[in-house]
């Protein structure tokens, strides 16, 4: 594996963890604060961070797919993970870590 590919995969792994954390913060803390306790202030910055991380994660999935020549199925599951709570953590464990270990 080239240094560039190694860096791309590690960046994808970091983005996956950060995106997963931001998603859980948004739906687990900010949304209840906003809709149950009428405290909307934290929703905007956490939602903004989540949006940026979501887009960055999606772009990196495409970049890593091209670099590692992943199949459509692998790319699909890695992309779908961003839409599911805990999905990016599962993708890291089942897709990204094994790819890193194999190369």
C-alpha atoms as a PDB file:
ATOM      1  CA  UNK A   1       0.000   0.000   0.000  1.00  0.00           C
ATOM      2  CA  UNK A   2       1.300   3.416  -0.840  1.00  0.00           C
ATOM      3  CA  UNK A   3       1.631   6.119   1.758  1.00  0.00           C
ATOM      4  CA  UNK A   4      -1.085   8.118  -0.004  1.00  0.00           C
ATOM      5  CA  UNK A   5      -3.556   5.216   0.132  1.00  0.00           C
ATOM      6  CA  UNK A   6      -2.705   4.568   3.787  1.00  0.00           C
ATOM      7  CA  UNK A   7      -3.352   8.239   4.634  1.00  0.00           C
ATOM      8  CA  UNK A   8      -6.644   8.237   2.716  1.00  0.00           C
ATOM      9  CA  UNK A   9      -7.919   5.157   4.517  1.00  0.00           C
ATOM     10  CA  UNK A  10      -6.888   6.519   7.916  1.00  0.00           C
ATOM     11  CA  UNK A  11      -8.602   9.837   7.131  1.00  0.00           C
ATOM     12  CA  UNK A  12     -11.752   7.934   6.160  1.00  0.00           C
ATOM     13  CA  UNK A  13     -11.612   6.016   9.448  1.00  0.00           C
ATOM     14  CA  UNK A  14     -11.259   9.248  11.447  1.00  0.00           C
ATOM     15  CA  UNK A  15     -14.088  10.902   9.528  1.00  0.00           C
ATOM     16  CA  UNK A  16     -16.278   7.843  10.087  1.00  0.00           C
ATOM     17  CA  UNK A  17     -15.786   8.025  13.861  1.00  0.00           C
ATOM     18  CA  UNK A  18     -16.316  11.798  14.000  1.00  0.00           C
ATOM     19  CA  UNK A  19     -19.378  11.613  11.751  1.00  0.00           C
ATOM     20  CA  UNK A  20     -20.845   8.840  13.892  1.00  0.00           C
ATOM     21  CA  UNK A  21     -20.267  10.804  17.088  1.00  0.00           C
ATOM     22  CA  UNK A  22     -21.790  13.963  15.626  1.00  0.00           C
ATOM     23  CA  UNK A  23     -24.831  11.989  14.439  1.00  0.00           C
ATOM     24  CA  UNK A  24     -25.364  10.460  17.871  1.00  0.00           C
ATOM     25  CA  UNK A  25     -24.962  13.861  19.550  1.00  0.00           C
ATOM     26  CA  UNK A  26     -27.471  15.377  17.162  1.00  0.00           C
ATOM     27  CA  UNK A  27     -30.194  12.741  17.513  1.00  0.00           C
ATOM     28  CA  UNK A  28     -29.442  11.686  21.083  1.00  0.00           C
ATOM     29  CA  UNK A  29     -28.873  15.006  22.808  1.00  0.00           C
ATOM     30  CA  UNK A  30     -29.636  18.027  20.629  1.00  0.00           C
ATOM     31  CA  UNK A  31     -32.979  16.914  19.235  1.00  0.00           C
ATOM     32  CA  UNK A  32     -34.430  15.982  22.642  1.00  0.00           C
ATOM     33  CA  UNK A  33     -33.145  19.278  24.021  1.00  0.00           C
ATOM     34  CA  UNK A  34     -34.841  21.144  21.190  1.00  0.00           C
ATOM     35  CA  UNK A  35     -38.163  19.331  21.026  1.00  0.00           C
ATOM     36  CA  UNK A  36     -38.704  18.156  24.600  1.00  0.00           C
ATOM     37  CA  UNK A  37     -37.036  20.853  26.677  1.00  0.00           C
ATOM     38  CA  UNK A  38     -37.389  23.764  24.217  1.00  0.00           C
ATOM     39  CA  UNK A  39     -33.631  24.478  24.182  1.00  0.00           C
ATOM     40  CA  UNK A  40     -32.785  24.860  20.459  1.00  0.00           C
ATOM     41  CA  UNK A  41     -29.372  26.553  20.771  1.00  0.00           C
ATOM     42  CA  UNK A  42     -27.094  23.462  20.613  1.00  0.00           C
ATOM     43  CA  UNK A  43     -28.842  22.101  17.530  1.00  0.00           C
ATOM     44  CA  UNK A  44     -27.363  24.582  15.052  1.00  0.00           C
ATOM     45  CA  UNK A  45     -23.625  24.125  15.748  1.00  0.00           C
ATOM     46  CA  UNK A  46     -23.890  20.364  16.183  1.00  0.00           C
ATOM     47  CA  UNK A  47     -26.078  20.081  13.081  1.00  0.00           C
ATOM     48  CA  UNK A  48     -23.629  22.201  11.092  1.00  0.00           C
ATOM     49  CA  UNK A  49     -20.668  20.092  12.217  1.00  0.00           C
ATOM     50  CA  UNK A  50     -22.572  16.923  11.404  1.00  0.00           C
ATOM     51  CA  UNK A  51     -23.451  18.214   7.933  1.00  0.00           C
ATOM     52  CA  UNK A  52     -19.848  19.067   7.131  1.00  0.00           C
ATOM     53  CA  UNK A  53     -18.612  15.715   8.451  1.00  0.00           C
ATOM     54  CA  UNK A  54     -21.356  13.856   6.540  1.00  0.00           C
ATOM     55  CA  UNK A  55     -20.330  15.442   3.239  1.00  0.00           C
ATOM     56  CA  UNK A  56     -16.609  14.926   3.935  1.00  0.00           C
ATOM     57  CA  UNK A  57     -17.255  11.270   4.798  1.00  0.00           C
ATOM     58  CA  UNK A  58     -19.229  10.739   1.578  1.00  0.00           C
ATOM     59  CA  UNK A  59     -16.481  12.296  -0.526  1.00  0.00           C
ATOM     60  CA  UNK A  60     -13.801  10.212   1.190  1.00  0.00           C
ATOM     61  CA  UNK A  61     -15.793   7.028   0.604  1.00  0.00           C
ATOM     62  CA  UNK A  62     -15.712   7.835  -3.114  1.00  0.00           C
ATOM     63  CA  UNK A  63     -11.996   8.691  -3.042  1.00  0.00           C
ATOM     64  CA  UNK A  64     -11.061   5.517  -1.152  1.00  0.00           C
ATOM     65  CA  UNK A  65     -13.334   3.436  -3.392  1.00  0.00           C
ATOM     66  CA  UNK A  66     -11.391   4.639  -6.392  1.00  0.00           C
ATOM     67  CA  UNK A  67      -7.976   4.221  -4.737  1.00  0.00           C
ATOM     68  CA  UNK A  68      -8.640   0.691  -3.462  1.00  0.00           C
ATOM     69  CA  UNK A  69     -10.877  -0.315  -6.388  1.00  0.00           C
ATOM     70  CA  UNK A  70     -13.690  -1.377  -4.086  1.00  0.00           C
ATOM     71  CA  UNK A  71     -16.711  -3.122  -5.540  1.00  0.00           C
ATOM     72  CA  UNK A  72     -20.027  -1.295  -5.805  1.00  0.00           C
ATOM     73  CA  UNK A  73     -21.309  -3.405  -2.923  1.00  0.00           C
ATOM     74  CA  UNK A  74     -18.509  -2.279  -0.572  1.00  0.00           C
ATOM     75  CA  UNK A  75     -18.958   1.348  -1.619  1.00  0.00           C
ATOM     76  CA  UNK A  76     -22.722   1.066  -1.110  1.00  0.00           C
ATOM     77  CA  UNK A  77     -22.400  -0.325   2.439  1.00  0.00           C
ATOM     78  CA  UNK A  78     -19.748   2.241   3.378  1.00  0.00           C
ATOM     79  CA  UNK A  79     -21.989   5.045   2.083  1.00  0.00           C
ATOM     80  CA  UNK A  80     -25.155   3.685   3.671  1.00  0.00           C
ATOM     81  CA  UNK A  81     -23.408   3.567   7.038  1.00  0.00           C
ATOM     82  CA  UNK A  82     -23.581   7.374   7.275  1.00  0.00           C
ATOM     83  CA  UNK A  83     -27.390   7.235   7.330  1.00  0.00           C
ATOM     84  CA  UNK A  84     -27.681   4.759  10.209  1.00  0.00           C
ATOM     85  CA  UNK A  85     -27.024   5.392  13.895  1.00  0.00           C
ATOM     86  CA  UNK A  86     -23.813   3.530  14.793  1.00  0.00           C
ATOM     87  CA  UNK A  87     -23.419   2.714  11.081  1.00  0.00           C
ATOM     88  CA  UNK A  88     -20.042   4.349  10.644  1.00  0.00           C
ATOM     89  CA  UNK A  89     -18.705   2.492  13.687  1.00  0.00           C
ATOM     90  CA  UNK A  90     -19.811  -0.798  12.125  1.00  0.00           C
ATOM     91  CA  UNK A  91     -18.322   0.225   8.762  1.00  0.00           C
ATOM     92  CA  UNK A  92     -15.024   0.974  10.471  1.00  0.00           C
ATOM     93  CA  UNK A  93     -14.970  -2.433  12.116  1.00  0.00           C
ATOM     94  CA  UNK A  94     -16.195  -4.488   9.148  1.00  0.00           C
ATOM     95  CA  UNK A  95     -14.855  -2.604   6.115  1.00  0.00           C
ATOM     96  CA  UNK A  96     -12.101  -0.126   6.947  1.00  0.00           C
ATOM     97  CA  UNK A  97     -10.069  -2.016   9.585  1.00  0.00           C
ATOM     98  CA  UNK A  98      -9.939  -5.262   7.561  1.00  0.00           C
ATOM     99  CA  UNK A  99      -8.895  -3.274   4.480  1.00  0.00           C
ATOM    100  CA  UNK A 100      -6.134  -1.646   6.475  1.00  0.00           C
ATOM    101  CA  UNK A 101      -4.993  -4.994   7.886  1.00  0.00           C
ATOM    102  CA  UNK A 102      -5.032  -6.664   4.456  1.00  0.00           C
ATOM    103  CA  UNK A 103      -2.691  -4.127   2.906  1.00  0.00           C
END
